[in-house]
């Protein structure tokens, strides 16, 4: 069965309860939630057998095939593997235009300051 364009149309909404002294039972969810996949995060819990770059790349492709549009891909400063994985995805143009990627960075001192700037320098071959 092919993936539905809008899976939320598959199910009928529930019949809400009439509880006039409560506000939440009458509220309805009218759009599907946005899912963020964190499946590629294999930090300290996988030190004995962390994923390799080819394994992470295959897993990333599978997550994209599932239709997930927001994917946490790595903490590039954690290891050469994570750095190489992130760099490979970007340099090989493997991230579809409709997919958002999230990376983690270590910013312990960011929360200790009142004024902070985080400078991102995105680069791509599309001229933007």
PDB file of N, CA and C in Angstrom:
ATOM      1  N   UNK A   1       0.854  -1.183   0.000  1.00  0.00           N
ATOM      2  CA  UNK A   1       0.000   0.000   0.000  1.00  0.00           C
ATOM      3  C   UNK A   1       0.897   1.241   0.000  1.00  0.00           C
ATOM      4  N   UNK A   2       0.700   2.151  -0.939  1.00  0.00           N
ATOM      5  CA  UNK A   2       1.537   3.360  -0.955  1.00  0.00           C
ATOM      6  C   UNK A   2       1.224   4.268   0.236  1.00  0.00           C
ATOM      7  N   UNK A   3       2.216   5.052   0.597  1.00  0.00           N
ATOM      8  CA  UNK A   3       2.039   5.970   1.724  1.00  0.00           C
ATOM      9  C   UNK A   3       1.008   7.042   1.364  1.00  0.00           C
ATOM     10  N   UNK A   4       0.134   7.338   2.289  1.00  0.00           N
ATOM     11  CA  UNK A   4      -0.888   8.358   2.068  1.00  0.00           C
ATOM     12  C   UNK A   4      -0.243   9.745   2.065  1.00  0.00           C
ATOM     13  N   UNK A   5      -0.696  10.607   1.189  1.00  0.00           N
ATOM     14  CA  UNK A   5      -0.192  11.973   1.165  1.00  0.00           C
ATOM     15  C   UNK A   5      -0.518  12.685   2.464  1.00  0.00           C
ATOM     16  N   UNK A   6      -1.710  12.465   2.964  1.00  0.00           N
ATOM     17  CA  UNK A   6      -2.127  13.063   4.230  1.00  0.00           C
ATOM     18  C   UNK A   6      -2.726  11.964   5.110  1.00  0.00           C
ATOM     19  N   UNK A   7      -1.867  11.275   5.898  1.00  0.00           N
ATOM     20  CA  UNK A   7      -2.362  10.158   6.711  1.00  0.00           C
ATOM     21  C   UNK A   7      -3.461  10.545   7.693  1.00  0.00           C
ATOM     22  N   UNK A   8      -3.566  11.827   8.044  1.00  0.00           N
ATOM     23  CA  UNK A   8      -4.587  12.232   9.004  1.00  0.00           C
ATOM     24  C   UNK A   8      -5.997  12.039   8.448  1.00  0.00           C
ATOM     25  N   UNK A   9      -6.138  11.921   7.137  1.00  0.00           N
ATOM     26  CA  UNK A   9      -7.456  11.720   6.530  1.00  0.00           C
ATOM     27  C   UNK A   9      -7.949  10.280   6.685  1.00  0.00           C
ATOM     28  N   UNK A  10      -7.077   9.384   7.109  1.00  0.00           N
ATOM     29  CA  UNK A  10      -7.432   7.981   7.230  1.00  0.00           C
ATOM     30  C   UNK A  10      -8.404   7.729   8.383  1.00  0.00           C
ATOM     31  N   UNK A  11      -8.330   8.550   9.408  1.00  0.00           N
ATOM     32  CA  UNK A  11      -9.106   8.309  10.622  1.00  0.00           C
ATOM     33  C   UNK A  11     -10.164   9.389  10.834  1.00  0.00           C
ATOM     34  N   UNK A  12     -11.305   8.962  11.355  1.00  0.00           N
ATOM     35  CA  UNK A  12     -12.370   9.915  11.696  1.00  0.00           C
ATOM     36  C   UNK A  12     -12.064  10.505  13.073  1.00  0.00           C
ATOM     37  N   UNK A  13     -12.404  11.775  13.291  1.00  0.00           N
ATOM     38  CA  UNK A  13     -12.171  12.370  14.609  1.00  0.00           C
ATOM     39  C   UNK A  13     -13.068  11.716  15.661  1.00  0.00           C
ATOM     40  N   UNK A  14     -12.602  11.737  16.877  1.00  0.00           N
ATOM     41  CA  UNK A  14     -13.382  11.160  17.969  1.00  0.00           C
ATOM     42  C   UNK A  14     -14.574  12.064  18.300  1.00  0.00           C
ATOM     43  N   UNK A  15     -15.552  11.497  18.946  1.00  0.00           N
ATOM     44  CA  UNK A  15     -16.715  12.259  19.394  1.00  0.00           C
ATOM     45  C   UNK A  15     -16.324  12.926  20.709  1.00  0.00           C
ATOM     46  N   UNK A  16     -16.355  14.244  20.723  1.00  0.00           N
ATOM     47  CA  UNK A  16     -15.916  14.953  21.926  1.00  0.00           C
ATOM     48  C   UNK A  16     -16.963  14.852  23.040  1.00  0.00           C
ATOM     49  N   UNK A  17     -16.472  14.972  24.247  1.00  0.00           N
ATOM     50  CA  UNK A  17     -17.341  14.918  25.419  1.00  0.00           C
ATOM     51  C   UNK A  17     -17.920  16.295  25.711  1.00  0.00           C
ATOM     52  N   UNK A  18     -19.124  16.316  26.174  1.00  0.00           N
ATOM     53  CA  UNK A  18     -19.743  17.574  26.546  1.00  0.00           C
ATOM     54  C   UNK A  18     -19.545  17.792  28.046  1.00  0.00           C
ATOM     55  N   UNK A  19     -18.464  18.464  28.395  1.00  0.00           N
ATOM     56  CA  UNK A  19     -18.148  18.784  29.787  1.00  0.00           C
ATOM     57  C   UNK A  19     -17.960  20.298  29.875  1.00  0.00           C
ATOM     58  N   UNK A  20     -19.040  21.042  30.112  1.00  0.00           N
ATOM     59  CA  UNK A  20     -18.986  22.499  30.069  1.00  0.00           C
ATOM     60  C   UNK A  20     -18.034  23.134  31.080  1.00  0.00           C
ATOM     61  N   UNK A  21     -17.710  22.421  32.159  1.00  0.00           N
ATOM     62  CA  UNK A  21     -16.797  23.003  33.147  1.00  0.00           C
ATOM     63  C   UNK A  21     -15.318  22.710  32.829  1.00  0.00           C
ATOM     64  N   UNK A  22     -15.057  22.045  31.703  1.00  0.00           N
ATOM     65  CA  UNK A  22     -13.691  21.729  31.279  1.00  0.00           C
ATOM     66  C   UNK A  22     -13.435  22.321  29.895  1.00  0.00           C
ATOM     67  N   UNK A  23     -12.195  22.702  29.627  1.00  0.00           N
ATOM     68  CA  UNK A  23     -11.899  23.272  28.312  1.00  0.00           C
ATOM     69  C   UNK A  23     -11.256  22.264  27.360  1.00  0.00           C
ATOM     70  N   UNK A  24     -10.423  21.367  27.857  1.00  0.00           N
ATOM     71  CA  UNK A  24      -9.695  20.495  26.939  1.00  0.00           C
ATOM     72  C   UNK A  24     -10.519  19.411  26.244  1.00  0.00           C
ATOM     73  N   UNK A  25     -11.566  18.828  26.833  1.00  0.00           N
ATOM     74  CA  UNK A  25     -12.255  17.751  26.108  1.00  0.00           C
ATOM     75  C   UNK A  25     -12.896  18.208  24.798  1.00  0.00           C
ATOM     76  N   UNK A  26     -13.245  19.480  24.691  1.00  0.00           N
ATOM     77  CA  UNK A  26     -13.903  19.938  23.470  1.00  0.00           C
ATOM     78  C   UNK A  26     -12.909  20.384  22.396  1.00  0.00           C
ATOM     79  N   UNK A  27     -11.629  20.439  22.724  1.00  0.00           N
ATOM     80  CA  UNK A  27     -10.634  20.837  21.724  1.00  0.00           C
ATOM     81  C   UNK A  27     -10.371  19.686  20.766  1.00  0.00           C
ATOM     82  N   UNK A  28     -10.071  20.029  19.535  1.00  0.00           N
ATOM     83  CA  UNK A  28      -9.825  19.021  18.507  1.00  0.00           C
ATOM     84  C   UNK A  28      -8.463  19.221  17.867  1.00  0.00           C
ATOM     85  N   UNK A  29      -7.824  18.128  17.580  1.00  0.00           N
ATOM     86  CA  UNK A  29      -6.597  18.169  16.786  1.00  0.00           C
ATOM     87  C   UNK A  29      -7.035  18.090  15.336  1.00  0.00           C
ATOM     88  N   UNK A  30      -6.722  19.110  14.567  1.00  0.00           N
ATOM     89  CA  UNK A  30      -7.206  19.173  13.186  1.00  0.00           C
ATOM     90  C   UNK A  30      -6.115  18.935  12.154  1.00  0.00           C
ATOM     91  N   UNK A  31      -4.881  18.764  12.616  1.00  0.00           N
ATOM     92  CA  UNK A  31      -3.781  18.505  11.694  1.00  0.00           C
ATOM     93  C   UNK A  31      -2.862  17.464  12.325  1.00  0.00           C
ATOM     94  N   UNK A  32      -2.202  16.684  11.497  1.00  0.00           N
ATOM     95  CA  UNK A  32      -1.304  15.678  12.072  1.00  0.00           C
ATOM     96  C   UNK A  32      -0.118  16.358  12.755  1.00  0.00           C
ATOM     97  N   UNK A  33       0.463  15.699  13.748  1.00  0.00           N
ATOM     98  CA  UNK A  33       1.623  16.295  14.419  1.00  0.00           C
ATOM     99  C   UNK A  33       2.846  16.286  13.507  1.00  0.00           C
ATOM    100  N   UNK A  34       3.792  17.132  13.799  1.00  0.00           N
ATOM    101  CA  UNK A  34       5.060  17.125  13.087  1.00  0.00           C
ATOM    102  C   UNK A  34       5.991  16.195  13.864  1.00  0.00           C
ATOM    103  N   UNK A  35       6.515  15.213  13.184  1.00  0.00           N
ATOM    104  CA  UNK A  35       7.394  14.241  13.824  1.00  0.00           C
ATOM    105  C   UNK A  35       8.845  14.594  13.538  1.00  0.00           C
ATOM    106  N   UNK A  36       9.673  14.560  14.563  1.00  0.00           N
ATOM    107  CA  UNK A  36      11.120  14.758  14.423  1.00  0.00           C
ATOM    108  C   UNK A  36      11.781  13.434  14.767  1.00  0.00           C
ATOM    109  N   UNK A  37      12.441  12.830  13.794  1.00  0.00           N
ATOM    110  CA  UNK A  37      13.129  11.568  14.031  1.00  0.00           C
ATOM    111  C   UNK A  37      14.454  11.838  14.745  1.00  0.00           C
ATOM    112  N   UNK A  38      14.676  11.144  15.850  1.00  0.00           N
ATOM    113  CA  UNK A  38      15.962  11.219  16.557  1.00  0.00           C
ATOM    114  C   UNK A  38      16.666   9.858  16.487  1.00  0.00           C
ATOM    115  N   UNK A  39      16.261   9.025  15.547  1.00  0.00           N
ATOM    116  CA  UNK A  39      16.775   7.659  15.463  1.00  0.00           C
ATOM    117  C   UNK A  39      18.256   7.569  15.125  1.00  0.00           C
ATOM    118  N   UNK A  40      18.813   8.604  14.509  1.00  0.00           N
ATOM    119  CA  UNK A  40      20.230   8.560  14.140  1.00  0.00           C
ATOM    120  C   UNK A  40      21.145   8.950  15.287  1.00  0.00           C
ATOM    121  N   UNK A  41      20.574   9.404  16.384  1.00  0.00           N
ATOM    122  CA  UNK A  41      21.379   9.766  17.546  1.00  0.00           C
ATOM    123  C   UNK A  41      21.797   8.478  18.249  1.00  0.00           C
ATOM    124  N   UNK A  42      23.070   8.165  18.214  1.00  0.00           N
ATOM    125  CA  UNK A  42      23.526   6.947  18.896  1.00  0.00           C
ATOM    126  C   UNK A  42      24.727   7.269  19.779  1.00  0.00           C
ATOM    127  N   UNK A  43      24.612   8.317  20.548  1.00  0.00           N
ATOM    128  CA  UNK A  43      25.696   8.809  21.400  1.00  0.00           C
ATOM    129  C   UNK A  43      26.209   7.814  22.417  1.00  0.00           C
ATOM    130  N   UNK A  44      26.321   8.245  23.641  1.00  0.00           N
ATOM    131  CA  UNK A  44      26.951   7.442  24.683  1.00  0.00           C
ATOM    132  C   UNK A  44      26.282   6.091  24.901  1.00  0.00           C
ATOM    133  N   UNK A  45      25.015   5.965  24.567  1.00  0.00           N
ATOM    134  CA  UNK A  45      24.341   4.696  24.795  1.00  0.00           C
ATOM    135  C   UNK A  45      24.823   3.619  23.824  1.00  0.00           C
ATOM    136  N   UNK A  46      25.582   3.984  22.787  1.00  0.00           N
ATOM    137  CA  UNK A  46      26.027   3.004  21.791  1.00  0.00           C
ATOM    138  C   UNK A  46      27.546   2.968  21.650  1.00  0.00           C
ATOM    139  N   UNK A  47      28.265   3.391  22.671  1.00  0.00           N
ATOM    140  CA  UNK A  47      29.726   3.446  22.551  1.00  0.00           C
ATOM    141  C   UNK A  47      30.341   2.091  22.225  1.00  0.00           C
ATOM    142  N   UNK A  48      29.770   1.009  22.713  1.00  0.00           N
ATOM    143  CA  UNK A  48      30.342  -0.307  22.448  1.00  0.00           C
ATOM    144  C   UNK A  48      30.246  -0.682  20.971  1.00  0.00           C
ATOM    145  N   UNK A  49      29.194  -0.220  20.309  1.00  0.00           N
ATOM    146  CA  UNK A  49      29.000  -0.597  18.909  1.00  0.00           C
ATOM    147  C   UNK A  49      28.243   0.509  18.166  1.00  0.00           C
ATOM    148  N   UNK A  50      28.863   1.692  17.994  1.00  0.00           N
ATOM    149  CA  UNK A  50      28.158   2.779  17.310  1.00  0.00           C
ATOM    150  C   UNK A  50      28.007   2.487  15.814  1.00  0.00           C
ATOM    151  N   UNK A  51      27.030   3.150  15.196  1.00  0.00           N
ATOM    152  CA  UNK A  51      26.820   2.978  13.764  1.00  0.00           C
ATOM    153  C   UNK A  51      27.977   3.582  12.982  1.00  0.00           C
ATOM    154  N   UNK A  52      28.264   2.988  11.841  1.00  0.00           N
ATOM    155  CA  UNK A  52      29.277   3.501  10.922  1.00  0.00           C
ATOM    156  C   UNK A  52      28.616   4.514   9.986  1.00  0.00           C
ATOM    157  N   UNK A  53      29.419   5.226   9.201  1.00  0.00           N
ATOM    158  CA  UNK A  53      28.852   6.179   8.240  1.00  0.00           C
ATOM    159  C   UNK A  53      27.949   5.468   7.234  1.00  0.00           C
ATOM    160  N   UNK A  54      28.359   4.329   6.644  1.00  0.00           N
ATOM    161  CA  UNK A  54      27.428   3.649   5.723  1.00  0.00           C
ATOM    162  C   UNK A  54      26.121   3.211   6.404  1.00  0.00           C
ATOM    163  N   UNK A  55      26.199   2.768   7.655  1.00  0.00           N
ATOM    164  CA  UNK A  55      24.978   2.370   8.367  1.00  0.00           C
ATOM    165  C   UNK A  55      24.079   3.574   8.611  1.00  0.00           C
ATOM    166  N   UNK A  56      24.673   4.689   9.048  1.00  0.00           N
ATOM    167  CA  UNK A  56      23.879   5.911   9.284  1.00  0.00           C
ATOM    168  C   UNK A  56      23.258   6.399   7.980  1.00  0.00           C
ATOM    169  N   UNK A  57      24.021   6.331   6.896  1.00  0.00           N
ATOM    170  CA  UNK A  57      23.516   6.792   5.597  1.00  0.00           C
ATOM    171  C   UNK A  57      22.335   5.938   5.143  1.00  0.00           C
ATOM    172  N   UNK A  58      22.449   4.637   5.290  1.00  0.00           N
ATOM    173  CA  UNK A  58      21.340   3.742   4.915  1.00  0.00           C
ATOM    174  C   UNK A  58      20.111   4.033   5.771  1.00  0.00           C
ATOM    175  N   UNK A  59      20.337   4.206   7.071  1.00  0.00           N
ATOM    176  CA  UNK A  59      19.235   4.492   7.997  1.00  0.00           C
ATOM    177  C   UNK A  59      18.580   5.826   7.625  1.00  0.00           C
ATOM    178  N   UNK A  60      19.385   6.850   7.300  1.00  0.00           N
ATOM    179  CA  UNK A  60      18.851   8.148   6.889  1.00  0.00           C
ATOM    180  C   UNK A  60      17.940   7.984   5.668  1.00  0.00           C
ATOM    181  N   UNK A  61      18.391   7.231   4.674  1.00  0.00           N
ATOM    182  CA  UNK A  61      17.585   7.012   3.460  1.00  0.00           C
ATOM    183  C   UNK A  61      16.255   6.339   3.803  1.00  0.00           C
ATOM    184  N   UNK A  62      16.275   5.393   4.736  1.00  0.00           N
ATOM    185  CA  UNK A  62      15.042   4.704   5.143  1.00  0.00           C
ATOM    186  C   UNK A  62      14.084   5.664   5.854  1.00  0.00           C
ATOM    187  N   UNK A  63      14.626   6.523   6.707  1.00  0.00           N
ATOM    188  CA  UNK A  63      13.789   7.507   7.403  1.00  0.00           C
ATOM    189  C   UNK A  63      13.129   8.442   6.387  1.00  0.00           C
ATOM    190  N   UNK A  64      13.893   8.876   5.388  1.00  0.00           N
ATOM    191  CA  UNK A  64      13.337   9.735   4.339  1.00  0.00           C
ATOM    192  C   UNK A  64      12.245   8.992   3.574  1.00  0.00           C
ATOM    193  N   UNK A  65      12.476   7.724   3.252  1.00  0.00           N
ATOM    194  CA  UNK A  65      11.461   6.925   2.542  1.00  0.00           C
ATOM    195  C   UNK A  65      10.178   6.798   3.349  1.00  0.00           C
ATOM    196  N   UNK A  66      10.286   6.828   4.666  1.00  0.00           N
ATOM    197  CA  UNK A  66       9.092   6.756   5.526  1.00  0.00           C
ATOM    198  C   UNK A  66       8.283   8.048   5.495  1.00  0.00           C
ATOM    199  N   UNK A  67       8.842   9.105   4.916  1.00  0.00           N
ATOM    200  CA  UNK A  67       8.119  10.363   4.807  1.00  0.00           C
ATOM    201  C   UNK A  67       8.384  11.343   5.933  1.00  0.00           C
ATOM    202  N   UNK A  68       9.354  11.053   6.792  1.00  0.00           N
ATOM    203  CA  UNK A  68       9.681  11.977   7.879  1.00  0.00           C
ATOM    204  C   UNK A  68      10.347  13.215   7.274  1.00  0.00           C
ATOM    205  N   UNK A  69       9.887  14.385   7.683  1.00  0.00           N
ATOM    206  CA  UNK A  69      10.372  15.640   7.099  1.00  0.00           C
ATOM    207  C   UNK A  69      11.310  16.413   8.015  1.00  0.00           C
ATOM    208  N   UNK A  70      11.464  15.989   9.260  1.00  0.00           N
ATOM    209  CA  UNK A  70      12.394  16.636  10.188  1.00  0.00           C
ATOM    210  C   UNK A  70      13.214  15.539  10.841  1.00  0.00           C
ATOM    211  N   UNK A  71      14.540  15.608  10.642  1.00  0.00           N
ATOM    212  CA  UNK A  71      15.413  14.529  11.088  1.00  0.00           C
ATOM    213  C   UNK A  71      16.623  15.103  11.817  1.00  0.00           C
ATOM    214  N   UNK A  72      16.795  14.677  13.051  1.00  0.00           N
ATOM    215  CA  UNK A  72      18.020  15.020  13.779  1.00  0.00           C
ATOM    216  C   UNK A  72      19.084  14.055  13.277  1.00  0.00           C
ATOM    217  N   UNK A  73      20.133  14.584  12.654  1.00  0.00           N
ATOM    218  CA  UNK A  73      21.081  13.687  12.002  1.00  0.00           C
ATOM    219  C   UNK A  73      22.312  13.375  12.830  1.00  0.00           C
ATOM    220  N   UNK A  74      22.763  14.279  13.690  1.00  0.00           N
ATOM    221  CA  UNK A  74      23.987  13.967  14.441  1.00  0.00           C
ATOM    222  C   UNK A  74      24.396  15.113  15.352  1.00  0.00           C
ATOM    223  N   UNK A  75      25.438  14.829  16.096  1.00  0.00           N
ATOM    224  CA  UNK A  75      26.171  15.803  16.892  1.00  0.00           C
ATOM    225  C   UNK A  75      27.585  15.782  16.319  1.00  0.00           C
ATOM    226  N   UNK A  76      27.843  16.568  15.259  1.00  0.00           N
ATOM    227  CA  UNK A  76      29.087  16.462  14.503  1.00  0.00           C
ATOM    228  C   UNK A  76      30.365  16.645  15.315  1.00  0.00           C
ATOM    229  N   UNK A  77      30.302  17.369  16.415  1.00  0.00           N
ATOM    230  CA  UNK A  77      31.500  17.573  17.228  1.00  0.00           C
ATOM    231  C   UNK A  77      31.808  16.359  18.099  1.00  0.00           C
ATOM    232  N   UNK A  78      30.907  15.394  18.151  1.00  0.00           N
ATOM    233  CA  UNK A  78      31.087  14.251  19.045  1.00  0.00           C
ATOM    234  C   UNK A  78      32.121  13.254  18.545  1.00  0.00           C
ATOM    235  N   UNK A  79      32.219  13.113  17.227  1.00  0.00           N
ATOM    236  CA  UNK A  79      33.139  12.095  16.695  1.00  0.00           C
ATOM    237  C   UNK A  79      33.420  12.372  15.227  1.00  0.00           C
ATOM    238  N   UNK A  80      34.501  11.764  14.746  1.00  0.00           N
ATOM    239  CA  UNK A  80      34.814  11.858  13.318  1.00  0.00           C
ATOM    240  C   UNK A  80      33.716  11.212  12.486  1.00  0.00           C
ATOM    241  N   UNK A  81      33.120  10.147  13.026  1.00  0.00           N
ATOM    242  CA  UNK A  81      32.042   9.467  12.306  1.00  0.00           C
ATOM    243  C   UNK A  81      30.854  10.399  12.111  1.00  0.00           C
ATOM    244  N   UNK A  82      30.410  11.048  13.188  1.00  0.00           N
ATOM    245  CA  UNK A  82      29.272  11.965  13.052  1.00  0.00           C
ATOM    246  C   UNK A  82      29.604  13.131  12.124  1.00  0.00           C
ATOM    247  N   UNK A  83      30.818  13.680  12.266  1.00  0.00           N
ATOM    248  CA  UNK A  83      31.212  14.784  11.386  1.00  0.00           C
ATOM    249  C   UNK A  83      31.211  14.336   9.930  1.00  0.00           C
ATOM    250  N   UNK A  84      31.817  13.177   9.661  1.00  0.00           N
ATOM    251  CA  UNK A  84      31.871  12.666   8.289  1.00  0.00           C
ATOM    252  C   UNK A  84      30.504  12.354   7.728  1.00  0.00           C
ATOM    253  N   UNK A  85      29.618  11.841   8.578  1.00  0.00           N
ATOM    254  CA  UNK A  85      28.259  11.526   8.150  1.00  0.00           C
ATOM    255  C   UNK A  85      27.517  12.791   7.723  1.00  0.00           C
ATOM    256  N   UNK A  86      27.554  13.823   8.566  1.00  0.00           N
ATOM    257  CA  UNK A  86      26.873  15.081   8.251  1.00  0.00           C
ATOM    258  C   UNK A  86      27.460  15.695   6.975  1.00  0.00           C
ATOM    259  N   UNK A  87      28.772  15.740   6.916  1.00  0.00           N
ATOM    260  CA  UNK A  87      29.435  16.323   5.748  1.00  0.00           C
ATOM    261  C   UNK A  87      29.072  15.567   4.478  1.00  0.00           C
ATOM    262  N   UNK A  88      29.057  14.226   4.571  1.00  0.00           N
ATOM    263  CA  UNK A  88      28.710  13.415   3.407  1.00  0.00           C
ATOM    264  C   UNK A  88      27.292  13.659   2.912  1.00  0.00           C
ATOM    265  N   UNK A  89      26.332  13.709   3.840  1.00  0.00           N
ATOM    266  CA  UNK A  89      24.945  13.969   3.435  1.00  0.00           C
ATOM    267  C   UNK A  89      24.825  15.286   2.681  1.00  0.00           C
ATOM    268  N   UNK A  90      25.496  16.297   3.193  1.00  0.00           N
ATOM    269  CA  UNK A  90      25.375  17.630   2.605  1.00  0.00           C
ATOM    270  C   UNK A  90      26.148  17.727   1.294  1.00  0.00           C
ATOM    271  N   UNK A  91      27.397  17.282   1.290  1.00  0.00           N
ATOM    272  CA  UNK A  91      28.213  17.401   0.078  1.00  0.00           C
ATOM    273  C   UNK A  91      27.678  16.559  -1.072  1.00  0.00           C
ATOM    274  N   UNK A  92      27.048  15.434  -0.775  1.00  0.00           N
ATOM    275  CA  UNK A  92      26.499  14.570  -1.820  1.00  0.00           C
ATOM    276  C   UNK A  92      25.063  14.945  -2.182  1.00  0.00           C
ATOM    277  N   UNK A  93      24.523  16.007  -1.558  1.00  0.00           N
ATOM    278  CA  UNK A  93      23.166  16.463  -1.871  1.00  0.00           C
ATOM    279  C   UNK A  93      22.101  15.429  -1.547  1.00  0.00           C
ATOM    280  N   UNK A  94      22.279  14.694  -0.452  1.00  0.00           N
ATOM    281  CA  UNK A  94      21.363  13.601  -0.121  1.00  0.00           C
ATOM    282  C   UNK A  94      20.141  14.033   0.690  1.00  0.00           C
ATOM    283  N   UNK A  95      20.099  15.290   1.103  1.00  0.00           N
ATOM    284  CA  UNK A  95      18.971  15.767   1.898  1.00  0.00           C
ATOM    285  C   UNK A  95      17.943  16.387   0.946  1.00  0.00           C
ATOM    286  N   UNK A  96      16.760  15.781   0.811  1.00  0.00           N
ATOM    287  CA  UNK A  96      15.742  16.333  -0.083  1.00  0.00           C
ATOM    288  C   UNK A  96      15.355  17.760   0.319  1.00  0.00           C
ATOM    289  N   UNK A  97      14.932  18.534  -0.663  1.00  0.00           N
ATOM    290  CA  UNK A  97      14.575  19.935  -0.412  1.00  0.00           C
ATOM    291  C   UNK A  97      13.454  20.099   0.604  1.00  0.00           C
ATOM    292  N   UNK A  98      12.570  19.114   0.725  1.00  0.00           N
ATOM    293  CA  UNK A  98      11.453  19.248   1.658  1.00  0.00           C
ATOM    294  C   UNK A  98      11.751  18.653   3.037  1.00  0.00           C
ATOM    295  N   UNK A  99      13.002  18.275   3.282  1.00  0.00           N
ATOM    296  CA  UNK A  99      13.393  17.695   4.570  1.00  0.00           C
ATOM    297  C   UNK A  99      14.266  18.683   5.335  1.00  0.00           C
ATOM    298  N   UNK A 100      13.924  18.882   6.601  1.00  0.00           N
ATOM    299  CA  UNK A 100      14.722  19.722   7.511  1.00  0.00           C
ATOM    300  C   UNK A 100      15.642  18.811   8.298  1.00  0.00           C
ATOM    301  N   UNK A 101      16.926  19.174   8.374  1.00  0.00           N
ATOM    302  CA  UNK A 101      17.838  18.412   9.205  1.00  0.00           C
ATOM    303  C   UNK A 101      18.181  19.221  10.445  1.00  0.00           C
ATOM    304  N   UNK A 102      18.410  18.513  11.522  1.00  0.00           N
ATOM    305  CA  UNK A 102      18.780  19.148  12.787  1.00  0.00           C
ATOM    306  C   UNK A 102      20.104  18.547  13.223  1.00  0.00           C
ATOM    307  N   UNK A 103      21.026  19.403  13.639  1.00  0.00           N
ATOM    308  CA  UNK A 103      22.255  18.926  14.245  1.00  0.00           C
ATOM    309  C   UNK A 103      22.330  19.476  15.660  1.00  0.00           C
ATOM    310  N   UNK A 104      23.054  18.793  16.495  1.00  0.00           N
ATOM    311  CA  UNK A 104      23.239  19.227  17.872  1.00  0.00           C
ATOM    312  C   UNK A 104      24.607  19.898  17.990  1.00  0.00           C
ATOM    313  N   UNK A 105      24.701  20.867  18.855  1.00  0.00           N
ATOM    314  CA  UNK A 105      26.005  21.473  19.138  1.00  0.00           C
ATOM    315  C   UNK A 105      26.099  21.716  20.632  1.00  0.00           C
ATOM    316  N   UNK A 106      27.327  21.793  21.107  1.00  0.00           N
ATOM    317  CA  UNK A 106      27.557  21.962  22.537  1.00  0.00           C
ATOM    318  C   UNK A 106      27.573  23.449  22.845  1.00  0.00           C
ATOM    319  N   UNK A 107      26.636  23.916  23.628  1.00  0.00           N
ATOM    320  CA  UNK A 107      26.538  25.336  23.939  1.00  0.00           C
ATOM    321  C   UNK A 107      26.350  25.590  25.417  1.00  0.00           C
ATOM    322  N   UNK A 108      27.148  24.921  26.245  1.00  0.00           N
ATOM    323  CA  UNK A 108      26.981  25.044  27.693  1.00  0.00           C
ATOM    324  C   UNK A 108      26.995  26.493  28.150  1.00  0.00           C
ATOM    325  N   UNK A 109      27.911  27.284  27.623  1.00  0.00           N
ATOM    326  CA  UNK A 109      28.056  28.653  28.104  1.00  0.00           C
ATOM    327  C   UNK A 109      27.020  29.609  27.500  1.00  0.00           C
ATOM    328  N   UNK A 110      26.298  29.148  26.491  1.00  0.00           N
ATOM    329  CA  UNK A 110      25.273  29.987  25.871  1.00  0.00           C
ATOM    330  C   UNK A 110      24.205  30.350  26.895  1.00  0.00           C
ATOM    331  N   UNK A 111      23.806  29.412  27.720  1.00  0.00           N
ATOM    332  CA  UNK A 111      22.740  29.668  28.687  1.00  0.00           C
ATOM    333  C   UNK A 111      23.214  30.502  29.873  1.00  0.00           C
ATOM    334  N   UNK A 112      24.521  30.702  29.994  1.00  0.00           N
ATOM    335  CA  UNK A 112      25.055  31.474  31.115  1.00  0.00           C
ATOM    336  C   UNK A 112      25.215  32.954  30.764  1.00  0.00           C
ATOM    337  N   UNK A 113      24.820  33.343  29.566  1.00  0.00           N
ATOM    338  CA  UNK A 113      24.994  34.714  29.120  1.00  0.00           C
ATOM    339  C   UNK A 113      23.646  35.342  28.822  1.00  0.00           C
ATOM    340  N   UNK A 114      23.586  36.650  28.991  1.00  0.00           N
ATOM    341  CA  UNK A 114      22.344  37.356  28.670  1.00  0.00           C
ATOM    342  C   UNK A 114      22.211  37.608  27.178  1.00  0.00           C
ATOM    343  N   UNK A 115      23.334  37.919  26.526  1.00  0.00           N
ATOM    344  CA  UNK A 115      23.305  38.233  25.099  1.00  0.00           C
ATOM    345  C   UNK A 115      24.210  37.260  24.368  1.00  0.00           C
ATOM    346  N   UNK A 116      23.616  36.535  23.428  1.00  0.00           N
ATOM    347  CA  UNK A 116      24.358  35.519  22.699  1.00  0.00           C
ATOM    348  C   UNK A 116      23.968  35.580  21.235  1.00  0.00           C
ATOM    349  N   UNK A 117      24.943  35.405  20.367  1.00  0.00           N
ATOM    350  CA  UNK A 117      24.681  35.250  18.942  1.00  0.00           C
ATOM    351  C   UNK A 117      25.222  33.893  18.525  1.00  0.00           C
ATOM    352  N   UNK A 118      24.443  33.178  17.770  1.00  0.00           N
ATOM    353  CA  UNK A 118      24.908  31.927  17.184  1.00  0.00           C
ATOM    354  C   UNK A 118      24.975  32.175  15.691  1.00  0.00           C
ATOM    355  N   UNK A 119      26.149  32.057  15.141  1.00  0.00           N
ATOM    356  CA  UNK A 119      26.366  32.347  13.737  1.00  0.00           C
ATOM    357  C   UNK A 119      26.420  31.050  12.948  1.00  0.00           C
ATOM    358  N   UNK A 120      25.504  30.886  12.030  1.00  0.00           N
ATOM    359  CA  UNK A 120      25.488  29.715  11.157  1.00  0.00           C
ATOM    360  C   UNK A 120      25.923  30.158   9.772  1.00  0.00           C
ATOM    361  N   UNK A 121      26.739  29.350   9.162  1.00  0.00           N
ATOM    362  CA  UNK A 121      27.233  29.673   7.830  1.00  0.00           C
ATOM    363  C   UNK A 121      26.865  28.551   6.872  1.00  0.00           C
ATOM    364  N   UNK A 122      25.605  28.516   6.453  1.00  0.00           N
ATOM    365  CA  UNK A 122      25.191  27.450   5.538  1.00  0.00           C
ATOM    366  C   UNK A 122      25.815  27.649   4.165  1.00  0.00           C
ATOM    367  N   UNK A 123      26.100  26.562   3.516  1.00  0.00           N
ATOM    368  CA  UNK A 123      26.656  26.620   2.167  1.00  0.00           C
ATOM    369  C   UNK A 123      25.985  25.538   1.346  1.00  0.00           C
ATOM    370  N   UNK A 124      25.616  25.903   0.148  1.00  0.00           N
ATOM    371  CA  UNK A 124      25.142  24.878  -0.781  1.00  0.00           C
ATOM    372  C   UNK A 124      25.514  25.296  -2.198  1.00  0.00           C
ATOM    373  N   UNK A 125      25.365  24.403  -3.114  1.00  0.00           N
ATOM    374  CA  UNK A 125      25.760  24.667  -4.496  1.00  0.00           C
ATOM    375  C   UNK A 125      24.628  25.275  -5.307  1.00  0.00           C
ATOM    376  N   UNK A 126      23.566  25.699  -4.657  1.00  0.00           N
ATOM    377  CA  UNK A 126      22.429  26.275  -5.375  1.00  0.00           C
ATOM    378  C   UNK A 126      22.519  27.796  -5.452  1.00  0.00           C
ATOM    379  N   UNK A 127      23.610  28.350  -4.918  1.00  0.00           N
ATOM    380  CA  UNK A 127      23.803  29.798  -5.000  1.00  0.00           C
ATOM    381  C   UNK A 127      23.091  30.581  -3.924  1.00  0.00           C
ATOM    382  N   UNK A 128      22.550  29.896  -2.914  1.00  0.00           N
ATOM    383  CA  UNK A 128      21.862  30.637  -1.855  1.00  0.00           C
ATOM    384  C   UNK A 128      22.551  30.440  -0.541  1.00  0.00           C
TER     385      UNK A 128
END
